[in-house]
């Protein structure tokens, strides 16, 4: 059935999905900030600035880009990406990015197939969630227009519940399932219902097939990531598994037993709880100085609690959780 669904999904009309191809979205080309895989960018608003470290207007625009990157850092609908388009003087580039507080993703010669070419530097473009270019121009002299284009593209995205499995999909025939296909709630009954629409064929059947394929892809990738983490980072596996187990309870029955066995270890359990606390705090907006002070205090308390665990310092799971909290604390104190 899975292969059938994949073939059906490939035949979907443009309004439903348009897969994008990326240039230099690789580890070798990565310079700074978050790293993306191609699948991470599908269905998102993508804002790209093409710049160079030797270009005065480019350097002058970096503080604005830093602010833009921070504004969308926790917004899963948007990806801000810098494409460095001059010689790869990594030391000079990284110094500029750090000096200006740029924390968004930066790649050497990143691009999207079909995107406009830069006639000069700096140059920027915005692609909506369908992969359409909705704005292009000079981000230095037209920064407000650049910001407005991103905001407009975000507002035009389908209104989906938080944690939706359907991000980036413009549904026409199966809108009734949108609220039922969110991470953390059982989706298996809804997917079985969609199978009957696939059998009936037509445009609704094709759309249902694409929805099923999307959900199965998420489940495949989530289970693979959990199993990869189980050996070296068991607390990450336990923490990440909670959403997956609730979303696909029947499919994940075997994994559930393995996760339960891992969680019986008191250290693993406490580290998993610490990861969950970090995830929650990372989503908290520190709008005031007092709110930021409270977050810093909570992070310091979590680090103190970690130091009381009876675990070796070189334990990779412990070291990973500690490093994550230290990075979060550093980000709060630097801003």
C-alpha atoms as a PDB file:
ATOM      1  CA  UNK A   1       0.000   0.000   0.000  1.00  0.00           C
ATOM      2  CA  UNK A   2       2.784   2.432   0.869  1.00  0.00           C
ATOM      3  CA  UNK A   3       4.305   2.258  -2.624  1.00  0.00           C
ATOM      4  CA  UNK A   4       0.857   2.855  -4.145  1.00  0.00           C
ATOM      5  CA  UNK A   5       0.368   5.918  -1.975  1.00  0.00           C
ATOM      6  CA  UNK A   6       3.748   7.290  -2.992  1.00  0.00           C
ATOM      7  CA  UNK A   7       2.862   6.982  -6.665  1.00  0.00           C
ATOM      8  CA  UNK A   8      -0.466   8.685  -6.143  1.00  0.00           C
ATOM      9  CA  UNK A   9       1.147  11.513  -4.217  1.00  0.00           C
ATOM     10  CA  UNK A  10       3.569  12.168  -7.093  1.00  0.00           C
ATOM     11  CA  UNK A  11       0.612  12.864  -9.376  1.00  0.00           C
ATOM     12  CA  UNK A  12      -0.946  15.530  -7.164  1.00  0.00           C
ATOM     13  CA  UNK A  13      -1.909  18.907  -8.648  1.00  0.00           C
ATOM     14  CA  UNK A  14       0.300  21.931  -8.025  1.00  0.00           C
ATOM     15  CA  UNK A  15      -1.992  23.512  -5.458  1.00  0.00           C
ATOM     16  CA  UNK A  16      -1.408  20.645  -3.059  1.00  0.00           C
ATOM     17  CA  UNK A  17       2.349  20.126  -3.029  1.00  0.00           C
ATOM     18  CA  UNK A  18       5.355  21.404  -4.929  1.00  0.00           C
ATOM     19  CA  UNK A  19       8.637  19.803  -3.960  1.00  0.00           C
ATOM     20  CA  UNK A  20      11.548  22.232  -3.975  1.00  0.00           C
ATOM     21  CA  UNK A  21      15.123  21.485  -4.957  1.00  0.00           C
ATOM     22  CA  UNK A  22      17.946  23.172  -3.084  1.00  0.00           C
ATOM     23  CA  UNK A  23      21.515  23.957  -4.016  1.00  0.00           C
ATOM     24  CA  UNK A  24      24.312  23.620  -1.444  1.00  0.00           C
ATOM     25  CA  UNK A  25      22.027  22.625   1.402  1.00  0.00           C
ATOM     26  CA  UNK A  26      24.828  20.412   2.682  1.00  0.00           C
ATOM     27  CA  UNK A  27      26.999  20.044   5.745  1.00  0.00           C
ATOM     28  CA  UNK A  28      30.054  21.111   3.743  1.00  0.00           C
ATOM     29  CA  UNK A  29      28.349  24.330   2.647  1.00  0.00           C
ATOM     30  CA  UNK A  30      26.997  25.129   6.119  1.00  0.00           C
ATOM     31  CA  UNK A  31      28.667  28.110   7.790  1.00  0.00           C
ATOM     32  CA  UNK A  32      26.587  29.050  10.810  1.00  0.00           C
ATOM     33  CA  UNK A  33      23.256  28.670  12.610  1.00  0.00           C
ATOM     34  CA  UNK A  34      20.742  25.811  12.319  1.00  0.00           C
ATOM     35  CA  UNK A  35      21.290  23.089   9.741  1.00  0.00           C
ATOM     36  CA  UNK A  36      18.398  22.055   7.521  1.00  0.00           C
ATOM     37  CA  UNK A  37      17.575  19.015   5.441  1.00  0.00           C
ATOM     38  CA  UNK A  38      15.507  19.482   2.289  1.00  0.00           C
ATOM     39  CA  UNK A  39      12.456  17.955   3.962  1.00  0.00           C
ATOM     40  CA  UNK A  40      12.663  20.584   6.722  1.00  0.00           C
ATOM     41  CA  UNK A  41      12.024  23.393   4.231  1.00  0.00           C
ATOM     42  CA  UNK A  42       9.135  21.899   2.258  1.00  0.00           C
ATOM     43  CA  UNK A  43       5.890  23.735   2.905  1.00  0.00           C
ATOM     44  CA  UNK A  44       7.554  26.645   4.737  1.00  0.00           C
ATOM     45  CA  UNK A  45       7.954  30.300   3.915  1.00  0.00           C
ATOM     46  CA  UNK A  46      11.617  30.669   2.929  1.00  0.00           C
ATOM     47  CA  UNK A  47      13.351  34.039   3.101  1.00  0.00           C
ATOM     48  CA  UNK A  48      16.834  34.096   1.556  1.00  0.00           C
ATOM     49  CA  UNK A  49      19.387  36.905   1.656  1.00  0.00           C
ATOM     50  CA  UNK A  50      22.305  36.626  -0.773  1.00  0.00           C
ATOM     51  CA  UNK A  51      25.255  38.583   0.589  1.00  0.00           C
ATOM     52  CA  UNK A  52      29.034  38.811   0.843  1.00  0.00           C
ATOM     53  CA  UNK A  53      31.401  39.659   3.674  1.00  0.00           C
ATOM     54  CA  UNK A  54      33.299  42.192   1.518  1.00  0.00           C
ATOM     55  CA  UNK A  55      30.137  44.069   0.517  1.00  0.00           C
ATOM     56  CA  UNK A  56      29.552  47.240   2.642  1.00  0.00           C
ATOM     57  CA  UNK A  57      25.733  47.317   2.172  1.00  0.00           C
ATOM     58  CA  UNK A  58      25.651  43.595   3.055  1.00  0.00           C
ATOM     59  CA  UNK A  59      27.554  44.221   6.281  1.00  0.00           C
ATOM     60  CA  UNK A  60      25.255  47.137   7.080  1.00  0.00           C
ATOM     61  CA  UNK A  61      22.175  44.930   6.655  1.00  0.00           C
ATOM     62  CA  UNK A  62      23.382  42.217   9.055  1.00  0.00           C
ATOM     63  CA  UNK A  63      21.935  43.810  12.237  1.00  0.00           C
ATOM     64  CA  UNK A  64      18.528  43.916  10.527  1.00  0.00           C
ATOM     65  CA  UNK A  65      18.910  40.315   9.393  1.00  0.00           C
ATOM     66  CA  UNK A  66      19.883  39.306  12.940  1.00  0.00           C
ATOM     67  CA  UNK A  67      16.697  40.891  14.277  1.00  0.00           C
ATOM     68  CA  UNK A  68      14.647  39.163  11.575  1.00  0.00           C
ATOM     69  CA  UNK A  69      16.252  35.810  12.349  1.00  0.00           C
ATOM     70  CA  UNK A  70      15.469  36.119  16.053  1.00  0.00           C
ATOM     71  CA  UNK A  71      11.872  37.128  15.314  1.00  0.00           C
ATOM     72  CA  UNK A  72      11.238  33.866  13.461  1.00  0.00           C
ATOM     73  CA  UNK A  73      13.674  31.601  15.330  1.00  0.00           C
ATOM     74  CA  UNK A  74      10.877  29.606  16.995  1.00  0.00           C
ATOM     75  CA  UNK A  75       8.357  29.838  14.153  1.00  0.00           C
ATOM     76  CA  UNK A  76       8.196  26.481  12.368  1.00  0.00           C
ATOM     77  CA  UNK A  77       6.409  28.132   9.444  1.00  0.00           C
ATOM     78  CA  UNK A  78       9.408  30.239   8.401  1.00  0.00           C
ATOM     79  CA  UNK A  79      13.059  29.626   7.517  1.00  0.00           C
ATOM     80  CA  UNK A  80      15.451  32.586   7.349  1.00  0.00           C
ATOM     81  CA  UNK A  81      18.578  31.630   5.401  1.00  0.00           C
ATOM     82  CA  UNK A  82      21.668  33.586   4.496  1.00  0.00           C
ATOM     83  CA  UNK A  83      23.424  32.648   1.262  1.00  0.00           C
ATOM     84  CA  UNK A  84      27.033  33.847   1.310  1.00  0.00           C
ATOM     85  CA  UNK A  85      28.098  34.460  -2.289  1.00  0.00           C
ATOM     86  CA  UNK A  86      31.722  35.604  -2.093  1.00  0.00           C
ATOM     87  CA  UNK A  87      34.982  33.803  -1.331  1.00  0.00           C
ATOM     88  CA  UNK A  88      34.769  31.490   1.648  1.00  0.00           C
ATOM     89  CA  UNK A  89      36.908  33.351   4.196  1.00  0.00           C
ATOM     90  CA  UNK A  90      35.324  31.449   7.034  1.00  0.00           C
ATOM     91  CA  UNK A  91      37.095  33.324   9.834  1.00  0.00           C
ATOM     92  CA  UNK A  92      35.987  36.736   8.534  1.00  0.00           C
ATOM     93  CA  UNK A  93      32.444  35.548   7.788  1.00  0.00           C
ATOM     94  CA  UNK A  94      31.902  33.981  11.193  1.00  0.00           C
ATOM     95  CA  UNK A  95      33.356  37.031  12.945  1.00  0.00           C
ATOM     96  CA  UNK A  96      30.887  39.289  11.139  1.00  0.00           C
ATOM     97  CA  UNK A  97      27.952  37.031  11.953  1.00  0.00           C
ATOM     98  CA  UNK A  98      28.905  36.783  15.627  1.00  0.00           C
ATOM     99  CA  UNK A  99      29.554  40.524  15.981  1.00  0.00           C
ATOM    100  CA  UNK A 100      26.090  41.276  14.605  1.00  0.00           C
ATOM    101  CA  UNK A 101      24.298  38.571  16.605  1.00  0.00           C
ATOM    102  CA  UNK A 102      23.236  36.575  13.530  1.00  0.00           C
ATOM    103  CA  UNK A 103      21.903  33.189  14.665  1.00  0.00           C
ATOM    104  CA  UNK A 104      19.918  32.167  11.572  1.00  0.00           C
ATOM    105  CA  UNK A 105      21.174  29.568   9.099  1.00  0.00           C
ATOM    106  CA  UNK A 106      23.954  30.645   6.732  1.00  0.00           C
ATOM    107  CA  UNK A 107      25.273  28.529   3.862  1.00  0.00           C
ATOM    108  CA  UNK A 108      27.881  29.136   1.174  1.00  0.00           C
ATOM    109  CA  UNK A 109      26.131  29.648  -2.189  1.00  0.00           C
ATOM    110  CA  UNK A 110      22.757  28.337  -0.977  1.00  0.00           C
ATOM    111  CA  UNK A 111      19.921  28.593  -3.451  1.00  0.00           C
ATOM    112  CA  UNK A 112      16.510  27.278  -4.431  1.00  0.00           C
ATOM    113  CA  UNK A 113      16.045  25.933  -7.951  1.00  0.00           C
ATOM    114  CA  UNK A 114      13.885  28.344  -9.906  1.00  0.00           C
ATOM    115  CA  UNK A 115      14.575  31.280  -7.590  1.00  0.00           C
ATOM    116  CA  UNK A 116      15.627  34.621  -9.120  1.00  0.00           C
ATOM    117  CA  UNK A 117      19.322  35.318  -9.622  1.00  0.00           C
ATOM    118  CA  UNK A 118      21.087  38.141  -7.844  1.00  0.00           C
ATOM    119  CA  UNK A 119      22.098  41.001 -10.122  1.00  0.00           C
ATOM    120  CA  UNK A 120      24.108  42.506  -7.289  1.00  0.00           C
ATOM    121  CA  UNK A 121      24.647  42.239  -3.555  1.00  0.00           C
ATOM    122  CA  UNK A 122      22.810  42.216  -1.271  1.00  0.00           C
ATOM    123  CA  UNK A 123      19.798  40.548  -2.834  1.00  0.00           C
ATOM    124  CA  UNK A 124      16.854  38.782  -1.220  1.00  0.00           C
ATOM    125  CA  UNK A 125      13.777  36.837  -2.163  1.00  0.00           C
ATOM    126  CA  UNK A 126      10.799  35.317  -0.369  1.00  0.00           C
ATOM    127  CA  UNK A 127       9.100  32.066  -1.367  1.00  0.00           C
ATOM    128  CA  UNK A 128       5.679  31.193   0.000  1.00  0.00           C
ATOM    129  CA  UNK A 129       4.706  27.752   1.310  1.00  0.00           C
ATOM    130  CA  UNK A 130       3.779  26.665  -2.227  1.00  0.00           C
ATOM    131  CA  UNK A 131       7.271  27.373  -3.537  1.00  0.00           C
ATOM    132  CA  UNK A 132       6.263  30.535  -5.388  1.00  0.00           C
ATOM    133  CA  UNK A 133       8.507  33.622  -5.357  1.00  0.00           C
ATOM    134  CA  UNK A 134       6.370  36.398  -3.882  1.00  0.00           C
ATOM    135  CA  UNK A 135       9.021  39.101  -3.452  1.00  0.00           C
ATOM    136  CA  UNK A 136      12.545  39.938  -4.567  1.00  0.00           C
ATOM    137  CA  UNK A 137      14.706  42.998  -4.083  1.00  0.00           C
ATOM    138  CA  UNK A 138      17.492  44.690  -2.185  1.00  0.00           C
ATOM    139  CA  UNK A 139      17.119  43.938   1.538  1.00  0.00           C
ATOM    140  CA  UNK A 140      19.370  46.860   2.471  1.00  0.00           C
ATOM    141  CA  UNK A 141      17.338  49.599   0.780  1.00  0.00           C
ATOM    142  CA  UNK A 142      13.990  47.758   0.910  1.00  0.00           C
ATOM    143  CA  UNK A 143      14.162  46.006   4.266  1.00  0.00           C
ATOM    144  CA  UNK A 144      10.637  46.980   5.313  1.00  0.00           C
ATOM    145  CA  UNK A 145       9.273  45.524   2.076  1.00  0.00           C
ATOM    146  CA  UNK A 146      11.306  42.359   2.730  1.00  0.00           C
ATOM    147  CA  UNK A 147       9.808  42.036   6.229  1.00  0.00           C
ATOM    148  CA  UNK A 148       6.301  42.760   4.964  1.00  0.00           C
ATOM    149  CA  UNK A 149       6.613  40.101   2.251  1.00  0.00           C
ATOM    150  CA  UNK A 150       7.522  37.451   4.830  1.00  0.00           C
ATOM    151  CA  UNK A 151       4.651  38.453   7.094  1.00  0.00           C
ATOM    152  CA  UNK A 152       2.187  38.459   4.188  1.00  0.00           C
ATOM    153  CA  UNK A 153       3.352  35.009   3.069  1.00  0.00           C
ATOM    154  CA  UNK A 154       2.933  33.660   6.605  1.00  0.00           C
ATOM    155  CA  UNK A 155      -0.580  35.079   6.870  1.00  0.00           C
ATOM    156  CA  UNK A 156      -1.496  33.404   3.575  1.00  0.00           C
ATOM    157  CA  UNK A 157      -0.571  29.949   4.876  1.00  0.00           C
ATOM    158  CA  UNK A 158      -3.437  27.588   5.703  1.00  0.00           C
ATOM    159  CA  UNK A 159      -4.596  28.034   9.275  1.00  0.00           C
ATOM    160  CA  UNK A 160      -3.644  24.751  10.881  1.00  0.00           C
ATOM    161  CA  UNK A 161      -3.674  23.644  14.510  1.00  0.00           C
ATOM    162  CA  UNK A 162      -0.414  23.705  16.474  1.00  0.00           C
ATOM    163  CA  UNK A 163       1.490  20.496  15.797  1.00  0.00           C
ATOM    164  CA  UNK A 164      -0.389  19.738  12.585  1.00  0.00           C
ATOM    165  CA  UNK A 165       0.967  16.927  10.425  1.00  0.00           C
ATOM    166  CA  UNK A 166      -0.284  18.777   7.356  1.00  0.00           C
ATOM    167  CA  UNK A 167       1.906  21.888   7.391  1.00  0.00           C
ATOM    168  CA  UNK A 168       2.340  23.254   3.879  1.00  0.00           C
ATOM    169  CA  UNK A 169      -0.608  21.385   2.375  1.00  0.00           C
ATOM    170  CA  UNK A 170      -3.470  23.363   0.853  1.00  0.00           C
ATOM    171  CA  UNK A 171      -6.348  20.921   1.242  1.00  0.00           C
ATOM    172  CA  UNK A 172      -9.430  21.210  -0.926  1.00  0.00           C
ATOM    173  CA  UNK A 173     -11.377  17.949  -0.538  1.00  0.00           C
ATOM    174  CA  UNK A 174     -10.337  16.678   2.893  1.00  0.00           C
ATOM    175  CA  UNK A 175     -10.523  19.745   5.096  1.00  0.00           C
ATOM    176  CA  UNK A 176     -12.651  17.830   7.590  1.00  0.00           C
ATOM    177  CA  UNK A 177      -9.605  15.877   8.822  1.00  0.00           C
ATOM    178  CA  UNK A 178      -7.345  18.854   9.554  1.00  0.00           C
ATOM    179  CA  UNK A 179      -8.124  19.102  13.271  1.00  0.00           C
ATOM    180  CA  UNK A 180      -7.833  15.340  13.707  1.00  0.00           C
ATOM    181  CA  UNK A 181      -4.306  15.027  12.314  1.00  0.00           C
ATOM    182  CA  UNK A 182      -2.133  16.712  14.910  1.00  0.00           C
ATOM    183  CA  UNK A 183       0.916  15.391  16.712  1.00  0.00           C
ATOM    184  CA  UNK A 184       0.076  13.993  20.133  1.00  0.00           C
ATOM    185  CA  UNK A 185      -3.412  12.705  19.384  1.00  0.00           C
ATOM    186  CA  UNK A 186      -4.324   9.319  17.898  1.00  0.00           C
ATOM    187  CA  UNK A 187      -4.496   9.723  14.098  1.00  0.00           C
ATOM    188  CA  UNK A 188      -4.806   6.070  13.119  1.00  0.00           C
ATOM    189  CA  UNK A 189      -8.612   5.970  12.922  1.00  0.00           C
ATOM    190  CA  UNK A 190      -8.644   9.049  10.694  1.00  0.00           C
ATOM    191  CA  UNK A 191      -6.006   7.535   8.404  1.00  0.00           C
ATOM    192  CA  UNK A 192      -8.095   4.387   8.027  1.00  0.00           C
ATOM    193  CA  UNK A 193     -11.046   6.546   7.025  1.00  0.00           C
ATOM    194  CA  UNK A 194      -8.885   8.280   4.446  1.00  0.00           C
ATOM    195  CA  UNK A 195      -7.994   4.903   2.952  1.00  0.00           C
ATOM    196  CA  UNK A 196     -11.619   4.498   1.864  1.00  0.00           C
ATOM    197  CA  UNK A 197     -11.399   7.824   0.002  1.00  0.00           C
ATOM    198  CA  UNK A 198      -8.269   6.607  -1.757  1.00  0.00           C
ATOM    199  CA  UNK A 199     -10.193   3.552  -3.007  1.00  0.00           C
ATOM    200  CA  UNK A 200     -12.956   5.764  -4.394  1.00  0.00           C
ATOM    201  CA  UNK A 201     -10.384   7.611  -6.499  1.00  0.00           C
ATOM    202  CA  UNK A 202     -10.766  11.023  -8.063  1.00  0.00           C
ATOM    203  CA  UNK A 203      -9.297  14.280  -6.793  1.00  0.00           C
ATOM    204  CA  UNK A 204     -10.446  13.560  -3.230  1.00  0.00           C
ATOM    205  CA  UNK A 205      -8.741  10.173  -3.374  1.00  0.00           C
ATOM    206  CA  UNK A 206      -5.482  11.694  -4.573  1.00  0.00           C
ATOM    207  CA  UNK A 207      -5.590  14.275  -1.803  1.00  0.00           C
ATOM    208  CA  UNK A 208      -6.338  11.593   0.795  1.00  0.00           C
ATOM    209  CA  UNK A 209      -3.375   9.555  -0.513  1.00  0.00           C
ATOM    210  CA  UNK A 210      -1.073  12.549  -0.124  1.00  0.00           C
ATOM    211  CA  UNK A 211      -2.266  13.088   3.447  1.00  0.00           C
ATOM    212  CA  UNK A 212      -1.647   9.445   4.346  1.00  0.00           C
ATOM    213  CA  UNK A 213       1.804   9.523   2.742  1.00  0.00           C
ATOM    214  CA  UNK A 214       2.673  12.693   4.678  1.00  0.00           C
ATOM    215  CA  UNK A 215       1.630  11.146   8.003  1.00  0.00           C
ATOM    216  CA  UNK A 216       3.446   7.880   7.284  1.00  0.00           C
ATOM    217  CA  UNK A 217       6.587   9.797   6.365  1.00  0.00           C
ATOM    218  CA  UNK A 218       6.456  11.667   9.683  1.00  0.00           C
ATOM    219  CA  UNK A 219       6.011   8.381  11.553  1.00  0.00           C
ATOM    220  CA  UNK A 220       8.886   6.698   9.676  1.00  0.00           C
ATOM    221  CA  UNK A 221      11.264   9.575  10.354  1.00  0.00           C
ATOM    222  CA  UNK A 222      10.209   9.944  13.983  1.00  0.00           C
ATOM    223  CA  UNK A 223      10.649   6.248  14.785  1.00  0.00           C
ATOM    224  CA  UNK A 224      14.018   6.159  12.998  1.00  0.00           C
ATOM    225  CA  UNK A 225      15.224   9.170  15.003  1.00  0.00           C
ATOM    226  CA  UNK A 226      14.024   7.648  18.286  1.00  0.00           C
ATOM    227  CA  UNK A 227      15.722   4.326  17.627  1.00  0.00           C
ATOM    228  CA  UNK A 228      18.938   6.079  16.626  1.00  0.00           C
ATOM    229  CA  UNK A 229      18.936   7.956  19.945  1.00  0.00           C
ATOM    230  CA  UNK A 230      18.148   4.940  22.142  1.00  0.00           C
ATOM    231  CA  UNK A 231      21.740   3.756  22.547  1.00  0.00           C
ATOM    232  CA  UNK A 232      23.694   6.970  23.150  1.00  0.00           C
ATOM    233  CA  UNK A 233      20.952   9.405  24.204  1.00  0.00           C
ATOM    234  CA  UNK A 234      18.236   7.302  25.854  1.00  0.00           C
ATOM    235  CA  UNK A 235      16.623  10.282  27.573  1.00  0.00           C
ATOM    236  CA  UNK A 236      16.187  11.966  24.184  1.00  0.00           C
ATOM    237  CA  UNK A 237      14.548   8.799  22.907  1.00  0.00           C
ATOM    238  CA  UNK A 238      12.193   8.692  25.907  1.00  0.00           C
ATOM    239  CA  UNK A 239      11.353  12.384  25.576  1.00  0.00           C
ATOM    240  CA  UNK A 240      10.810  12.301  21.809  1.00  0.00           C
ATOM    241  CA  UNK A 241       8.826   9.064  21.914  1.00  0.00           C
ATOM    242  CA  UNK A 242       5.960  10.504  23.948  1.00  0.00           C
ATOM    243  CA  UNK A 243       4.419  12.371  21.008  1.00  0.00           C
ATOM    244  CA  UNK A 244       4.970   9.492  18.610  1.00  0.00           C
ATOM    245  CA  UNK A 245       3.436   6.888  20.935  1.00  0.00           C
ATOM    246  CA  UNK A 246       0.287   8.968  21.354  1.00  0.00           C
ATOM    247  CA  UNK A 247       0.017   9.769  17.638  1.00  0.00           C
ATOM    248  CA  UNK A 248       0.476   6.204  16.342  1.00  0.00           C
ATOM    249  CA  UNK A 249      -0.361   3.929  19.329  1.00  0.00           C
ATOM    250  CA  UNK A 250      -0.940   0.718  17.368  1.00  0.00           C
ATOM    251  CA  UNK A 251       1.994   1.152  15.044  1.00  0.00           C
ATOM    252  CA  UNK A 252       4.341   2.003  17.925  1.00  0.00           C
ATOM    253  CA  UNK A 253       3.268  -0.804  20.283  1.00  0.00           C
ATOM    254  CA  UNK A 254       6.599  -2.650  20.084  1.00  0.00           C
ATOM    255  CA  UNK A 255       8.596   0.537  20.535  1.00  0.00           C
ATOM    256  CA  UNK A 256       6.451   1.484  23.529  1.00  0.00           C
ATOM    257  CA  UNK A 257       7.738  -1.537  25.458  1.00  0.00           C
ATOM    258  CA  UNK A 258      11.345  -0.647  24.677  1.00  0.00           C
ATOM    259  CA  UNK A 259      10.835   2.971  25.738  1.00  0.00           C
ATOM    260  CA  UNK A 260       9.159   1.862  28.974  1.00  0.00           C
ATOM    261  CA  UNK A 261      12.191  -0.296  29.753  1.00  0.00           C
ATOM    262  CA  UNK A 262      14.530   2.656  29.178  1.00  0.00           C
ATOM    263  CA  UNK A 263      12.415   4.955  31.354  1.00  0.00           C
ATOM    264  CA  UNK A 264      12.757   2.597  34.335  1.00  0.00           C
ATOM    265  CA  UNK A 265      16.321   3.850  34.750  1.00  0.00           C
ATOM    266  CA  UNK A 266      15.952   6.763  37.226  1.00  0.00           C
ATOM    267  CA  UNK A 267      18.760   8.794  35.616  1.00  0.00           C
ATOM    268  CA  UNK A 268      17.276   8.407  32.150  1.00  0.00           C
ATOM    269  CA  UNK A 269      13.865   9.380  33.496  1.00  0.00           C
ATOM    270  CA  UNK A 270      15.211  12.534  35.151  1.00  0.00           C
ATOM    271  CA  UNK A 271      17.191  13.526  32.073  1.00  0.00           C
ATOM    272  CA  UNK A 272      14.093  13.041  29.912  1.00  0.00           C
ATOM    273  CA  UNK A 273      12.110  15.286  32.268  1.00  0.00           C
ATOM    274  CA  UNK A 274      14.886  17.872  32.045  1.00  0.00           C
ATOM    275  CA  UNK A 275      14.701  17.789  28.249  1.00  0.00           C
ATOM    276  CA  UNK A 276      10.940  18.292  28.423  1.00  0.00           C
ATOM    277  CA  UNK A 277      11.399  21.304  30.711  1.00  0.00           C
ATOM    278  CA  UNK A 278      13.912  22.794  28.303  1.00  0.00           C
ATOM    279  CA  UNK A 279      11.563  22.342  25.358  1.00  0.00           C
ATOM    280  CA  UNK A 280       8.830  24.127  27.299  1.00  0.00           C
ATOM    281  CA  UNK A 281      11.049  27.022  28.401  1.00  0.00           C
ATOM    282  CA  UNK A 282      12.440  27.431  24.877  1.00  0.00           C
ATOM    283  CA  UNK A 283       8.919  28.240  23.664  1.00  0.00           C
ATOM    284  CA  UNK A 284       8.408  30.874  26.351  1.00  0.00           C
ATOM    285  CA  UNK A 285       8.630  34.456  25.123  1.00  0.00           C
ATOM    286  CA  UNK A 286      10.630  36.689  27.471  1.00  0.00           C
ATOM    287  CA  UNK A 287       8.877  39.954  26.634  1.00  0.00           C
ATOM    288  CA  UNK A 288      10.179  41.852  29.665  1.00  0.00           C
ATOM    289  CA  UNK A 289      13.397  42.037  31.668  1.00  0.00           C
ATOM    290  CA  UNK A 290      11.668  40.332  34.608  1.00  0.00           C
ATOM    291  CA  UNK A 291      10.433  37.510  32.382  1.00  0.00           C
ATOM    292  CA  UNK A 292      13.948  36.976  31.046  1.00  0.00           C
ATOM    293  CA  UNK A 293      15.348  37.044  34.575  1.00  0.00           C
ATOM    294  CA  UNK A 294      12.866  34.339  35.564  1.00  0.00           C
ATOM    295  CA  UNK A 295      13.899  32.133  32.631  1.00  0.00           C
ATOM    296  CA  UNK A 296      17.567  32.557  33.509  1.00  0.00           C
ATOM    297  CA  UNK A 297      16.834  31.604  37.109  1.00  0.00           C
ATOM    298  CA  UNK A 298      14.953  28.484  36.004  1.00  0.00           C
ATOM    299  CA  UNK A 299      17.778  27.450  33.684  1.00  0.00           C
ATOM    300  CA  UNK A 300      20.347  27.841  36.464  1.00  0.00           C
ATOM    301  CA  UNK A 301      18.159  25.760  38.776  1.00  0.00           C
ATOM    302  CA  UNK A 302      17.927  23.004  36.155  1.00  0.00           C
ATOM    303  CA  UNK A 303      21.725  22.966  35.825  1.00  0.00           C
ATOM    304  CA  UNK A 304      22.086  22.697  39.598  1.00  0.00           C
ATOM    305  CA  UNK A 305      19.659  19.780  39.645  1.00  0.00           C
ATOM    306  CA  UNK A 306      21.628  18.057  36.888  1.00  0.00           C
ATOM    307  CA  UNK A 307      24.822  18.374  38.910  1.00  0.00           C
ATOM    308  CA  UNK A 308      23.247  16.326  41.726  1.00  0.00           C
ATOM    309  CA  UNK A 309      22.634  13.271  39.520  1.00  0.00           C
ATOM    310  CA  UNK A 310      24.801  10.255  40.296  1.00  0.00           C
ATOM    311  CA  UNK A 311      26.234   9.926  36.806  1.00  0.00           C
ATOM    312  CA  UNK A 312      29.688  10.071  35.277  1.00  0.00           C
ATOM    313  CA  UNK A 313      30.618  13.389  33.658  1.00  0.00           C
ATOM    314  CA  UNK A 314      31.476  11.620  30.391  1.00  0.00           C
ATOM    315  CA  UNK A 315      28.020  10.049  30.122  1.00  0.00           C
ATOM    316  CA  UNK A 316      26.984  11.233  26.606  1.00  0.00           C
ATOM    317  CA  UNK A 317      23.315  11.557  27.519  1.00  0.00           C
ATOM    318  CA  UNK A 318      24.060  13.644  30.611  1.00  0.00           C
ATOM    319  CA  UNK A 319      26.639  15.727  28.731  1.00  0.00           C
ATOM    320  CA  UNK A 320      24.150  16.428  25.938  1.00  0.00           C
ATOM    321  CA  UNK A 321      21.394  17.624  28.292  1.00  0.00           C
ATOM    322  CA  UNK A 322      23.863  19.774  30.211  1.00  0.00           C
ATOM    323  CA  UNK A 323      25.200  21.333  26.994  1.00  0.00           C
ATOM    324  CA  UNK A 324      21.661  22.121  25.824  1.00  0.00           C
ATOM    325  CA  UNK A 325      20.856  23.909  29.074  1.00  0.00           C
ATOM    326  CA  UNK A 326      24.161  25.817  28.985  1.00  0.00           C
ATOM    327  CA  UNK A 327      23.470  26.929  25.411  1.00  0.00           C
ATOM    328  CA  UNK A 328      19.965  28.059  26.370  1.00  0.00           C
ATOM    329  CA  UNK A 329      21.321  29.987  29.353  1.00  0.00           C
ATOM    330  CA  UNK A 330      24.009  31.611  27.185  1.00  0.00           C
ATOM    331  CA  UNK A 331      21.401  32.688  24.623  1.00  0.00           C
ATOM    332  CA  UNK A 332      19.329  34.308  27.364  1.00  0.00           C
ATOM    333  CA  UNK A 333      22.247  36.177  28.939  1.00  0.00           C
ATOM    334  CA  UNK A 334      23.697  37.377  25.623  1.00  0.00           C
ATOM    335  CA  UNK A 335      20.467  38.878  24.283  1.00  0.00           C
END
